[in-house]
Amino acid sequence: MNNYEFTTNTKIVEGFTLYQIKSLRDFGNVKAGDLGGFIDNSSTLDQDTDSWIDETSMVLNGSIVSNKSTVSNNSTVCHHSMVTNGSTVEDRSTVKDGSTVKDGSTVEDGSTVTNNSTVSDYSTVKDGSTVTNGSTVSNGSTVEDASTVNNGSTVSNNSTVSNGSTVTDRSTVTDRSTVKDNSHVLDGSTVKNHTLICK
């Protein structure tokens, strides 16, 4: 049985006609008859894996939400991006421009994942942080407190970037390391083995 149907409610965003969805059955926190968000076609949202887009959010332009994932609270997924495998995008956050959030990861609190970047393996991007330009956050890592991971950089293996810090220029933070207090990791540098970088 399908999870949702299209309603006659529409809106135009970036030249795309988006259609509001309505749940056809109970699943998770969704009840039959609940209005959902706005999508541009039926391939955007799985019909059979309990994924959902709430009524304040939208997914468009070749993007996909699948495998028990959710998009909620005024969030947007657009421009050939993907949210999959039990992941969440919420609280005014954006995933766009070919980016992927997967494997139980979360993007929240007005954060952005953009420009072919990836958040995976139960990682979190929160507090208005940004992951951009082909960067990766993986393996239980966290980017928080308006921090930035940029220009092909990697944060992995339970590491943290916090307090307005920046990791950029193909740099790496790994192995339970921490970068905090508005610190900067630049120019292809590597921080590893439980190292703490702070001011």
N, C-alpha and C. Protein backbone atom coordinates (compact mmCIF):
# COMPACT_ATOMS: atom_id res chain seq x y z
N MET A 1 0.84 -1.20 0.00
CA MET A 1 0.00 0.00 0.00
C MET A 1 0.87 1.25 0.00
N ASN A 2 0.47 2.22 -0.80
CA ASN A 2 1.21 3.48 -0.85
C ASN A 2 1.08 4.24 0.46
N ASN A 3 2.13 5.01 0.77
CA ASN A 3 2.13 5.82 1.98
C ASN A 3 1.42 7.15 1.80
N TYR A 4 1.40 7.67 0.58
CA TYR A 4 0.87 9.02 0.39
C TYR A 4 0.25 9.17 -1.00
N GLU A 5 -0.51 10.26 -1.13
CA GLU A 5 -1.05 10.65 -2.42
C GLU A 5 -0.82 12.15 -2.60
N PHE A 6 -0.93 12.62 -3.83
CA PHE A 6 -0.83 14.04 -4.11
C PHE A 6 -2.17 14.73 -3.88
N THR A 7 -2.12 15.92 -3.31
CA THR A 7 -3.32 16.75 -3.19
C THR A 7 -3.35 17.75 -4.36
N THR A 8 -4.37 18.58 -4.38
CA THR A 8 -4.45 19.61 -5.42
C THR A 8 -3.75 20.90 -4.99
N ASN A 9 -3.16 20.91 -3.80
CA ASN A 9 -2.43 22.10 -3.32
C ASN A 9 -1.07 22.16 -3.99
N THR A 10 -0.76 23.29 -4.60
CA THR A 10 0.50 23.45 -5.32
C THR A 10 1.17 24.77 -4.98
N LYS A 11 2.46 24.85 -5.28
CA LYS A 11 3.17 26.12 -5.26
C LYS A 11 4.34 26.04 -6.23
N ILE A 12 4.77 27.18 -6.70
CA ILE A 12 5.86 27.28 -7.66
C ILE A 12 7.12 27.70 -6.92
N VAL A 13 8.19 26.92 -7.04
CA VAL A 13 9.48 27.24 -6.43
C VAL A 13 10.56 27.03 -7.47
N GLU A 14 11.34 28.06 -7.75
CA GLU A 14 12.43 27.99 -8.73
C GLU A 14 11.96 27.47 -10.08
N GLY A 15 10.73 27.78 -10.43
CA GLY A 15 10.18 27.36 -11.71
C GLY A 15 9.58 25.96 -11.71
N PHE A 16 9.67 25.25 -10.58
CA PHE A 16 9.11 23.91 -10.45
C PHE A 16 7.74 23.98 -9.79
N THR A 17 6.79 23.22 -10.31
CA THR A 17 5.50 23.09 -9.66
C THR A 17 5.60 21.98 -8.61
N LEU A 18 5.36 22.34 -7.36
CA LEU A 18 5.41 21.38 -6.26
C LEU A 18 4.00 21.05 -5.80
N TYR A 19 3.78 19.77 -5.45
CA TYR A 19 2.46 19.29 -5.04
C TYR A 19 2.53 18.83 -3.59
N GLN A 20 1.56 19.27 -2.80
CA GLN A 20 1.52 18.82 -1.41
C GLN A 20 1.03 17.38 -1.35
N ILE A 21 1.62 16.61 -0.42
CA ILE A 21 1.23 15.22 -0.25
C ILE A 21 0.34 15.05 0.98
N LYS A 22 -0.36 13.92 1.02
CA LYS A 22 -1.20 13.55 2.17
C LYS A 22 -1.01 12.08 2.47
N SER A 23 -0.84 11.77 3.75
CA SER A 23 -0.62 10.38 4.16
C SER A 23 -1.88 9.53 3.94
N LEU A 24 -1.66 8.30 3.50
CA LEU A 24 -2.76 7.36 3.31
C LEU A 24 -2.88 6.34 4.43
N ARG A 25 -1.88 6.31 5.33
CA ARG A 25 -1.94 5.32 6.41
C ARG A 25 -1.08 5.79 7.58
N ASP A 26 -1.23 5.13 8.69
CA ASP A 26 -0.41 5.43 9.86
C ASP A 26 0.96 4.76 9.71
N PHE A 27 2.00 5.52 10.01
CA PHE A 27 3.34 4.94 10.12
C PHE A 27 4.22 5.92 10.89
N GLY A 28 5.09 5.39 11.76
CA GLY A 28 5.90 6.27 12.58
C GLY A 28 5.03 7.24 13.35
N ASN A 29 5.38 8.54 13.27
CA ASN A 29 4.58 9.58 13.92
C ASN A 29 3.53 10.18 12.99
N VAL A 30 3.37 9.60 11.83
CA VAL A 30 2.44 10.11 10.83
C VAL A 30 1.13 9.34 10.90
N LYS A 31 0.02 10.08 10.82
CA LYS A 31 -1.30 9.47 10.84
C LYS A 31 -1.96 9.59 9.47
N ALA A 32 -2.80 8.64 9.15
CA ALA A 32 -3.56 8.71 7.90
C ALA A 32 -4.33 10.03 7.84
N GLY A 33 -4.21 10.72 6.71
CA GLY A 33 -4.88 12.00 6.54
C GLY A 33 -4.01 13.20 6.84
N ASP A 34 -2.85 12.99 7.46
CA ASP A 34 -1.94 14.11 7.72
C ASP A 34 -1.43 14.70 6.41
N LEU A 35 -1.43 16.02 6.33
CA LEU A 35 -0.81 16.68 5.19
C LEU A 35 0.71 16.68 5.36
N GLY A 36 1.38 16.42 4.28
CA GLY A 36 2.84 16.47 4.28
C GLY A 36 3.36 17.68 3.55
N GLY A 37 4.61 17.59 3.13
CA GLY A 37 5.26 18.71 2.46
C GLY A 37 5.00 18.73 0.97
N PHE A 38 5.85 19.48 0.27
CA PHE A 38 5.68 19.71 -1.16
C PHE A 38 6.83 19.05 -1.92
N ILE A 39 6.47 18.25 -2.94
CA ILE A 39 7.46 17.60 -3.78
C ILE A 39 7.08 17.80 -5.24
N ASP A 40 8.04 17.57 -6.15
CA ASP A 40 7.74 17.84 -7.55
C ASP A 40 7.33 16.61 -8.36
N ASN A 41 7.64 15.39 -7.85
CA ASN A 41 7.18 14.20 -8.56
C ASN A 41 7.22 12.98 -7.65
N SER A 42 6.65 11.87 -8.12
CA SER A 42 6.49 10.70 -7.26
C SER A 42 7.80 9.98 -6.97
N SER A 43 8.86 10.22 -7.74
CA SER A 43 10.15 9.58 -7.47
C SER A 43 10.92 10.28 -6.36
N THR A 44 10.42 11.42 -5.90
CA THR A 44 11.10 12.19 -4.86
C THR A 44 11.05 11.50 -3.51
N LEU A 45 9.92 10.89 -3.18
CA LEU A 45 9.70 10.31 -1.85
C LEU A 45 9.26 8.86 -1.97
N ASP A 46 9.97 7.96 -1.29
CA ASP A 46 9.59 6.54 -1.26
C ASP A 46 8.13 6.35 -0.86
N GLN A 47 7.46 5.43 -1.52
CA GLN A 47 6.08 5.10 -1.17
C GLN A 47 5.99 3.96 -0.15
N ASP A 48 7.08 3.26 0.12
CA ASP A 48 6.95 2.02 0.89
C ASP A 48 7.98 1.82 1.98
N THR A 49 8.74 2.86 2.37
CA THR A 49 9.74 2.66 3.42
C THR A 49 9.58 3.64 4.59
N ASP A 50 8.38 4.20 4.74
CA ASP A 50 8.06 5.06 5.89
C ASP A 50 8.91 6.32 5.95
N SER A 51 9.36 6.82 4.83
CA SER A 51 9.98 8.15 4.78
C SER A 51 8.88 9.21 4.75
N TRP A 52 9.23 10.43 5.20
CA TRP A 52 8.20 11.48 5.24
C TRP A 52 8.82 12.86 5.14
N ILE A 53 8.05 13.76 4.56
CA ILE A 53 8.37 15.19 4.48
C ILE A 53 7.20 15.92 5.13
N ASP A 54 7.45 16.70 6.16
CA ASP A 54 6.32 17.31 6.87
C ASP A 54 5.80 18.53 6.11
N GLU A 55 4.65 19.04 6.55
CA GLU A 55 3.93 20.05 5.77
C GLU A 55 4.64 21.39 5.65
N THR A 56 5.70 21.61 6.42
CA THR A 56 6.44 22.87 6.34
C THR A 56 7.66 22.78 5.42
N SER A 57 7.95 21.62 4.87
CA SER A 57 9.21 21.39 4.15
C SER A 57 8.96 21.06 2.68
N MET A 58 10.05 21.06 1.89
CA MET A 58 9.91 20.75 0.48
C MET A 58 11.16 20.07 -0.05
N VAL A 59 10.95 19.23 -1.07
CA VAL A 59 12.02 18.49 -1.74
C VAL A 59 11.77 18.59 -3.23
N LEU A 60 12.80 19.00 -3.99
CA LEU A 60 12.57 19.27 -5.40
C LEU A 60 13.82 19.12 -6.25
N ASN A 61 13.60 19.20 -7.56
CA ASN A 61 14.64 19.26 -8.57
C ASN A 61 15.58 18.06 -8.50
N GLY A 62 15.01 16.86 -8.70
CA GLY A 62 15.82 15.66 -8.79
C GLY A 62 16.32 15.12 -7.47
N SER A 63 15.82 15.62 -6.36
CA SER A 63 16.26 15.14 -5.05
C SER A 63 15.39 13.98 -4.58
N ILE A 64 15.93 13.19 -3.63
CA ILE A 64 15.26 11.97 -3.17
C ILE A 64 15.33 11.86 -1.66
N VAL A 65 14.22 11.46 -1.05
CA VAL A 65 14.15 11.11 0.36
C VAL A 65 13.69 9.67 0.43
N SER A 66 14.49 8.79 1.07
CA SER A 66 14.18 7.37 1.01
C SER A 66 14.63 6.61 2.26
N ASN A 67 14.16 5.38 2.38
CA ASN A 67 14.61 4.44 3.41
C ASN A 67 14.48 4.98 4.83
N LYS A 68 13.23 5.31 5.20
CA LYS A 68 12.89 5.74 6.56
C LYS A 68 13.57 7.03 6.98
N SER A 69 13.75 7.94 6.05
CA SER A 69 14.32 9.25 6.35
C SER A 69 13.22 10.31 6.44
N THR A 70 13.54 11.44 7.08
CA THR A 70 12.55 12.51 7.25
C THR A 70 13.15 13.88 6.96
N VAL A 71 12.30 14.76 6.47
CA VAL A 71 12.63 16.17 6.26
C VAL A 71 11.53 16.97 6.93
N SER A 72 11.88 17.86 7.87
CA SER A 72 10.84 18.51 8.67
C SER A 72 11.24 19.90 9.14
N ASN A 73 10.25 20.62 9.65
CA ASN A 73 10.44 21.92 10.29
C ASN A 73 11.12 22.94 9.38
N ASN A 74 10.43 23.22 8.26
CA ASN A 74 10.87 24.28 7.33
C ASN A 74 12.22 24.00 6.69
N SER A 75 12.48 22.74 6.40
CA SER A 75 13.74 22.36 5.75
C SER A 75 13.53 22.12 4.26
N THR A 76 14.66 22.14 3.51
CA THR A 76 14.62 22.00 2.06
C THR A 76 15.72 21.06 1.59
N VAL A 77 15.37 20.16 0.68
CA VAL A 77 16.34 19.32 -0.01
C VAL A 77 16.13 19.57 -1.50
N CYS A 78 17.20 19.97 -2.20
CA CYS A 78 17.01 20.37 -3.59
C CYS A 78 18.27 20.16 -4.44
N HIS A 79 18.07 20.27 -5.76
CA HIS A 79 19.17 20.23 -6.73
C HIS A 79 19.94 18.93 -6.68
N HIS A 80 19.21 17.82 -6.91
CA HIS A 80 19.81 16.49 -7.08
C HIS A 80 20.55 16.01 -5.82
N SER A 81 19.97 16.26 -4.67
CA SER A 81 20.53 15.80 -3.40
C SER A 81 19.74 14.60 -2.88
N MET A 82 20.27 13.96 -1.84
CA MET A 82 19.65 12.75 -1.31
C MET A 82 19.71 12.70 0.20
N VAL A 83 18.60 12.27 0.82
CA VAL A 83 18.53 11.98 2.25
C VAL A 83 18.03 10.55 2.36
N THR A 84 18.85 9.66 2.94
CA THR A 84 18.51 8.24 2.86
C THR A 84 19.00 7.45 4.07
N ASN A 85 18.51 6.24 4.19
CA ASN A 85 18.95 5.28 5.21
C ASN A 85 18.78 5.81 6.64
N GLY A 86 17.54 6.21 6.95
CA GLY A 86 17.22 6.60 8.31
C GLY A 86 17.79 7.93 8.76
N SER A 87 18.02 8.84 7.83
CA SER A 87 18.60 10.15 8.16
C SER A 87 17.51 11.21 8.33
N THR A 88 17.92 12.34 8.93
CA THR A 88 16.98 13.41 9.25
C THR A 88 17.55 14.76 8.85
N VAL A 89 16.72 15.57 8.22
CA VAL A 89 17.02 16.98 7.96
C VAL A 89 15.89 17.77 8.59
N GLU A 90 16.22 18.68 9.54
CA GLU A 90 15.16 19.35 10.28
C GLU A 90 15.57 20.74 10.73
N ASP A 91 14.58 21.50 11.19
CA ASP A 91 14.81 22.80 11.83
C ASP A 91 15.48 23.81 10.90
N ARG A 92 14.82 24.08 9.78
CA ARG A 92 15.25 25.13 8.84
C ARG A 92 16.59 24.81 8.17
N SER A 93 16.91 23.58 8.04
CA SER A 93 18.18 23.18 7.42
C SER A 93 18.00 22.94 5.92
N THR A 94 19.14 22.91 5.21
CA THR A 94 19.13 22.76 3.76
C THR A 94 20.19 21.77 3.31
N VAL A 95 19.79 20.87 2.43
CA VAL A 95 20.73 19.97 1.75
C VAL A 95 20.54 20.22 0.25
N LYS A 96 21.60 20.59 -0.45
CA LYS A 96 21.41 20.99 -1.84
C LYS A 96 22.65 20.75 -2.70
N ASP A 97 22.46 20.92 -4.01
CA ASP A 97 23.56 20.90 -4.97
C ASP A 97 24.34 19.59 -4.96
N GLY A 98 23.60 18.47 -5.11
CA GLY A 98 24.24 17.18 -5.25
C GLY A 98 24.80 16.59 -3.99
N SER A 99 24.34 17.04 -2.84
CA SER A 99 24.85 16.54 -1.56
C SER A 99 24.03 15.37 -1.04
N THR A 100 24.62 14.63 -0.09
CA THR A 100 23.99 13.43 0.44
C THR A 100 24.07 13.40 1.96
N VAL A 101 22.96 13.06 2.60
CA VAL A 101 22.91 12.79 4.04
C VAL A 101 22.40 11.36 4.17
N LYS A 102 23.19 10.48 4.80
CA LYS A 102 22.83 9.07 4.79
C LYS A 102 23.25 8.35 6.06
N ASP A 103 22.75 7.13 6.19
CA ASP A 103 23.18 6.20 7.24
C ASP A 103 22.96 6.73 8.65
N GLY A 104 21.72 7.17 8.91
CA GLY A 104 21.35 7.60 10.26
C GLY A 104 21.91 8.93 10.69
N SER A 105 22.32 9.76 9.75
CA SER A 105 22.89 11.07 10.09
C SER A 105 21.81 12.13 10.22
N THR A 106 22.19 13.28 10.84
CA THR A 106 21.25 14.36 11.10
C THR A 106 21.84 15.70 10.70
N VAL A 107 21.05 16.51 10.02
CA VAL A 107 21.38 17.91 9.75
C VAL A 107 20.27 18.73 10.37
N GLU A 108 20.61 19.65 11.29
CA GLU A 108 19.57 20.34 12.05
C GLU A 108 19.99 21.75 12.42
N ASP A 109 19.05 22.49 12.99
CA ASP A 109 19.31 23.82 13.56
C ASP A 109 19.81 24.82 12.53
N GLY A 110 19.18 24.84 11.35
CA GLY A 110 19.54 25.83 10.35
C GLY A 110 20.88 25.60 9.69
N SER A 111 21.34 24.37 9.67
CA SER A 111 22.62 24.03 9.05
C SER A 111 22.44 23.77 7.55
N THR A 112 23.59 23.75 6.83
CA THR A 112 23.58 23.58 5.38
C THR A 112 24.63 22.57 4.95
N VAL A 113 24.22 21.65 4.10
CA VAL A 113 25.15 20.74 3.42
C VAL A 113 24.98 20.99 1.93
N THR A 114 26.07 21.37 1.25
CA THR A 114 25.92 21.85 -0.11
C THR A 114 27.13 21.51 -0.98
N ASN A 115 26.95 21.65 -2.28
CA ASN A 115 28.02 21.50 -3.26
C ASN A 115 28.72 20.14 -3.17
N ASN A 116 27.93 19.08 -3.41
CA ASN A 116 28.47 17.72 -3.50
C ASN A 116 29.17 17.25 -2.23
N SER A 117 28.67 17.64 -1.10
CA SER A 117 29.21 17.19 0.19
C SER A 117 28.40 16.02 0.73
N THR A 118 28.99 15.32 1.73
CA THR A 118 28.35 14.12 2.28
C THR A 118 28.44 14.11 3.79
N VAL A 119 27.32 13.77 4.43
CA VAL A 119 27.28 13.52 5.87
C VAL A 119 26.78 12.09 6.04
N SER A 120 27.57 11.24 6.71
CA SER A 120 27.22 9.82 6.73
C SER A 120 27.57 9.14 8.05
N ASP A 121 27.06 7.94 8.22
CA ASP A 121 27.44 7.06 9.34
C ASP A 121 27.18 7.69 10.71
N TYR A 122 25.91 8.08 10.93
CA TYR A 122 25.46 8.59 12.23
C TYR A 122 26.21 9.86 12.66
N SER A 123 26.54 10.68 11.70
CA SER A 123 27.17 11.97 11.99
C SER A 123 26.11 13.06 12.12
N THR A 124 26.52 14.21 12.68
CA THR A 124 25.58 15.31 12.93
C THR A 124 26.20 16.64 12.50
N VAL A 125 25.41 17.44 11.81
CA VAL A 125 25.76 18.82 11.49
C VAL A 125 24.66 19.68 12.10
N LYS A 126 25.02 20.60 13.02
CA LYS A 126 23.99 21.33 13.75
C LYS A 126 24.43 22.75 14.08
N ASP A 127 23.50 23.50 14.68
CA ASP A 127 23.78 24.84 15.19
C ASP A 127 24.23 25.80 14.09
N GLY A 128 23.58 25.73 12.93
CA GLY A 128 23.90 26.66 11.86
C GLY A 128 25.25 26.44 11.21
N SER A 129 25.76 25.22 11.28
CA SER A 129 27.04 24.89 10.66
C SER A 129 26.89 24.60 9.17
N THR A 130 28.03 24.58 8.46
CA THR A 130 28.03 24.38 7.01
C THR A 130 29.06 23.35 6.61
N VAL A 131 28.66 22.42 5.76
CA VAL A 131 29.57 21.47 5.12
C VAL A 131 29.43 21.70 3.62
N THR A 132 30.53 22.06 2.95
CA THR A 132 30.39 22.51 1.57
C THR A 132 31.58 22.16 0.70
N ASN A 133 31.39 22.31 -0.60
CA ASN A 133 32.44 22.15 -1.61
C ASN A 133 33.14 20.80 -1.53
N GLY A 134 32.34 19.72 -1.62
CA GLY A 134 32.89 18.39 -1.70
C GLY A 134 33.48 17.86 -0.42
N SER A 135 33.06 18.38 0.71
CA SER A 135 33.59 17.93 2.00
C SER A 135 32.77 16.76 2.55
N THR A 136 33.35 16.07 3.56
CA THR A 136 32.72 14.88 4.12
C THR A 136 32.78 14.90 5.64
N VAL A 137 31.66 14.57 6.27
CA VAL A 137 31.59 14.35 7.72
C VAL A 137 31.08 12.93 7.90
N SER A 138 31.85 12.07 8.61
CA SER A 138 31.48 10.66 8.63
C SER A 138 31.86 9.98 9.94
N ASN A 139 31.36 8.75 10.08
CA ASN A 139 31.72 7.87 11.19
C ASN A 139 31.48 8.50 12.56
N GLY A 140 30.26 8.96 12.77
CA GLY A 140 29.88 9.46 14.09
C GLY A 140 30.46 10.80 14.47
N SER A 141 30.89 11.58 13.52
CA SER A 141 31.49 12.89 13.80
C SER A 141 30.43 13.98 13.91
N THR A 142 30.83 15.13 14.50
CA THR A 142 29.91 16.24 14.72
C THR A 142 30.54 17.55 14.28
N VAL A 143 29.77 18.36 13.57
CA VAL A 143 30.13 19.74 13.25
C VAL A 143 29.05 20.61 13.86
N GLU A 144 29.43 21.51 14.78
CA GLU A 144 28.43 22.24 15.55
C GLU A 144 28.87 23.68 15.82
N ASP A 145 27.95 24.46 16.40
CA ASP A 145 28.25 25.83 16.84
C ASP A 145 28.73 26.72 15.70
N ALA A 146 27.98 26.70 14.57
CA ALA A 146 28.28 27.57 13.42
C ALA A 146 29.68 27.36 12.88
N SER A 147 30.14 26.13 12.87
CA SER A 147 31.44 25.80 12.30
C SER A 147 31.30 25.46 10.82
N THR A 148 32.45 25.37 10.12
CA THR A 148 32.46 25.15 8.68
C THR A 148 33.48 24.09 8.29
N VAL A 149 33.07 23.18 7.44
CA VAL A 149 33.98 22.22 6.80
C VAL A 149 33.88 22.50 5.30
N ASN A 150 35.01 22.81 4.67
CA ASN A 150 34.97 23.44 3.35
C ASN A 150 36.07 22.88 2.44
N ASN A 151 35.85 23.01 1.14
CA ASN A 151 36.88 22.76 0.13
C ASN A 151 37.50 21.36 0.22
N GLY A 152 36.64 20.34 0.14
CA GLY A 152 37.13 18.98 0.07
C GLY A 152 37.74 18.44 1.34
N SER A 153 37.39 19.00 2.46
CA SER A 153 37.94 18.55 3.75
C SER A 153 37.13 17.41 4.33
N THR A 154 37.71 16.73 5.33
CA THR A 154 37.10 15.55 5.92
C THR A 154 37.14 15.62 7.44
N VAL A 155 36.01 15.31 8.07
CA VAL A 155 35.94 15.13 9.52
C VAL A 155 35.40 13.72 9.73
N SER A 156 36.18 12.86 10.40
CA SER A 156 35.79 11.46 10.46
C SER A 156 36.16 10.80 11.78
N ASN A 157 35.62 9.59 11.98
CA ASN A 157 35.97 8.74 13.11
C ASN A 157 35.76 9.43 14.47
N ASN A 158 34.49 9.83 14.69
CA ASN A 158 34.07 10.39 15.99
C ASN A 158 34.82 11.66 16.37
N SER A 159 35.13 12.47 15.40
CA SER A 159 35.79 13.76 15.66
C SER A 159 34.75 14.88 15.72
N THR A 160 35.18 16.04 16.26
CA THR A 160 34.27 17.17 16.46
C THR A 160 34.92 18.47 16.00
N VAL A 161 34.15 19.28 15.30
CA VAL A 161 34.53 20.65 14.95
C VAL A 161 33.46 21.55 15.55
N SER A 162 33.87 22.48 16.44
CA SER A 162 32.87 23.24 17.19
C SER A 162 33.29 24.69 17.44
N ASN A 163 32.37 25.46 18.00
CA ASN A 163 32.63 26.83 18.44
C ASN A 163 33.16 27.72 17.32
N GLY A 164 32.50 27.67 16.16
CA GLY A 164 32.85 28.56 15.06
C GLY A 164 34.15 28.26 14.37
N SER A 165 34.63 27.04 14.48
CA SER A 165 35.91 26.66 13.86
C SER A 165 35.73 26.33 12.38
N THR A 166 36.86 26.28 11.67
CA THR A 166 36.87 26.01 10.24
C THR A 166 37.91 24.96 9.89
N VAL A 167 37.48 23.98 9.09
CA VAL A 167 38.40 23.01 8.50
C VAL A 167 38.27 23.17 6.99
N THR A 168 39.38 23.51 6.31
CA THR A 168 39.27 23.86 4.90
C THR A 168 40.51 23.44 4.12
N ASP A 169 40.42 23.59 2.79
CA ASP A 169 41.57 23.34 1.89
C ASP A 169 42.04 21.89 1.97
N ARG A 170 41.09 20.94 1.85
CA ARG A 170 41.40 19.50 1.82
C ARG A 170 42.12 19.02 3.08
N SER A 171 41.78 19.62 4.18
CA SER A 171 42.34 19.20 5.46
C SER A 171 41.52 18.07 6.06
N THR A 172 42.08 17.39 7.07
CA THR A 172 41.45 16.23 7.68
C THR A 172 41.50 16.32 9.20
N VAL A 173 40.37 16.03 9.83
CA VAL A 173 40.29 15.88 11.29
C VAL A 173 39.73 14.49 11.53
N THR A 174 40.50 13.63 12.24
CA THR A 174 40.09 12.24 12.35
C THR A 174 40.53 11.62 13.67
N ASP A 175 40.08 10.41 13.93
CA ASP A 175 40.49 9.63 15.10
C ASP A 175 40.18 10.32 16.42
N ARG A 176 38.89 10.69 16.59
CA ARG A 176 38.41 11.28 17.85
C ARG A 176 39.11 12.59 18.21
N SER A 177 39.54 13.32 17.22
CA SER A 177 40.16 14.63 17.46
C SER A 177 39.11 15.72 17.55
N THR A 178 39.49 16.88 18.10
CA THR A 178 38.58 18.00 18.30
C THR A 178 39.23 19.31 17.85
N VAL A 179 38.49 20.09 17.10
CA VAL A 179 38.89 21.45 16.73
C VAL A 179 37.81 22.38 17.26
N LYS A 180 38.19 23.33 18.14
CA LYS A 180 37.18 24.17 18.76
C LYS A 180 37.69 25.59 19.00
N ASP A 181 36.80 26.44 19.54
CA ASP A 181 37.16 27.81 19.95
C ASP A 181 37.66 28.65 18.78
N ASN A 182 36.89 28.62 17.66
CA ASN A 182 37.19 29.45 16.49
C ASN A 182 38.57 29.17 15.92
N SER A 183 39.01 27.93 16.01
CA SER A 183 40.30 27.55 15.45
C SER A 183 40.16 27.23 13.96
N HIS A 184 41.32 27.16 13.25
CA HIS A 184 41.33 26.92 11.82
C HIS A 184 42.33 25.83 11.48
N VAL A 185 41.89 24.87 10.68
CA VAL A 185 42.77 23.84 10.14
C VAL A 185 42.79 24.06 8.63
N LEU A 186 43.98 24.38 8.10
CA LEU A 186 44.09 24.88 6.73
C LEU A 186 45.12 24.10 5.91
N ASP A 187 45.09 24.35 4.60
CA ASP A 187 46.19 23.99 3.70
C ASP A 187 46.54 22.52 3.72
N GLY A 188 45.51 21.66 3.70
CA GLY A 188 45.76 20.23 3.63
C GLY A 188 46.33 19.61 4.88
N SER A 189 46.15 20.26 6.01
CA SER A 189 46.69 19.75 7.27
C SER A 189 45.87 18.56 7.77
N THR A 190 46.49 17.76 8.66
CA THR A 190 45.81 16.62 9.26
C THR A 190 45.89 16.69 10.77
N VAL A 191 44.74 16.54 11.41
CA VAL A 191 44.66 16.47 12.87
C VAL A 191 44.13 15.07 13.20
N LYS A 192 44.89 14.29 13.97
CA LYS A 192 44.49 12.90 14.21
C LYS A 192 44.91 12.43 15.59
N ASN A 193 44.50 11.21 15.92
CA ASN A 193 44.93 10.53 17.15
C ASN A 193 44.58 11.32 18.41
N HIS A 194 43.28 11.64 18.56
CA HIS A 194 42.77 12.26 19.78
C HIS A 194 43.38 13.65 20.04
N THR A 195 43.80 14.34 19.03
CA THR A 195 44.41 15.66 19.19
C THR A 195 43.35 16.73 19.44
N LEU A 196 43.68 17.70 20.28
CA LEU A 196 42.81 18.85 20.55
C LEU A 196 43.46 20.10 19.99
N ILE A 197 42.72 20.82 19.13
CA ILE A 197 43.16 22.11 18.59
C ILE A 197 42.22 23.17 19.12
N CYS A 198 42.75 24.15 19.87
CA CYS A 198 41.92 25.21 20.41
C CYS A 198 42.73 26.45 20.61
N LYS A 199 42.04 27.54 20.95
CA LYS A 199 42.74 28.80 21.23
C LYS A 199 42.75 29.06 22.73
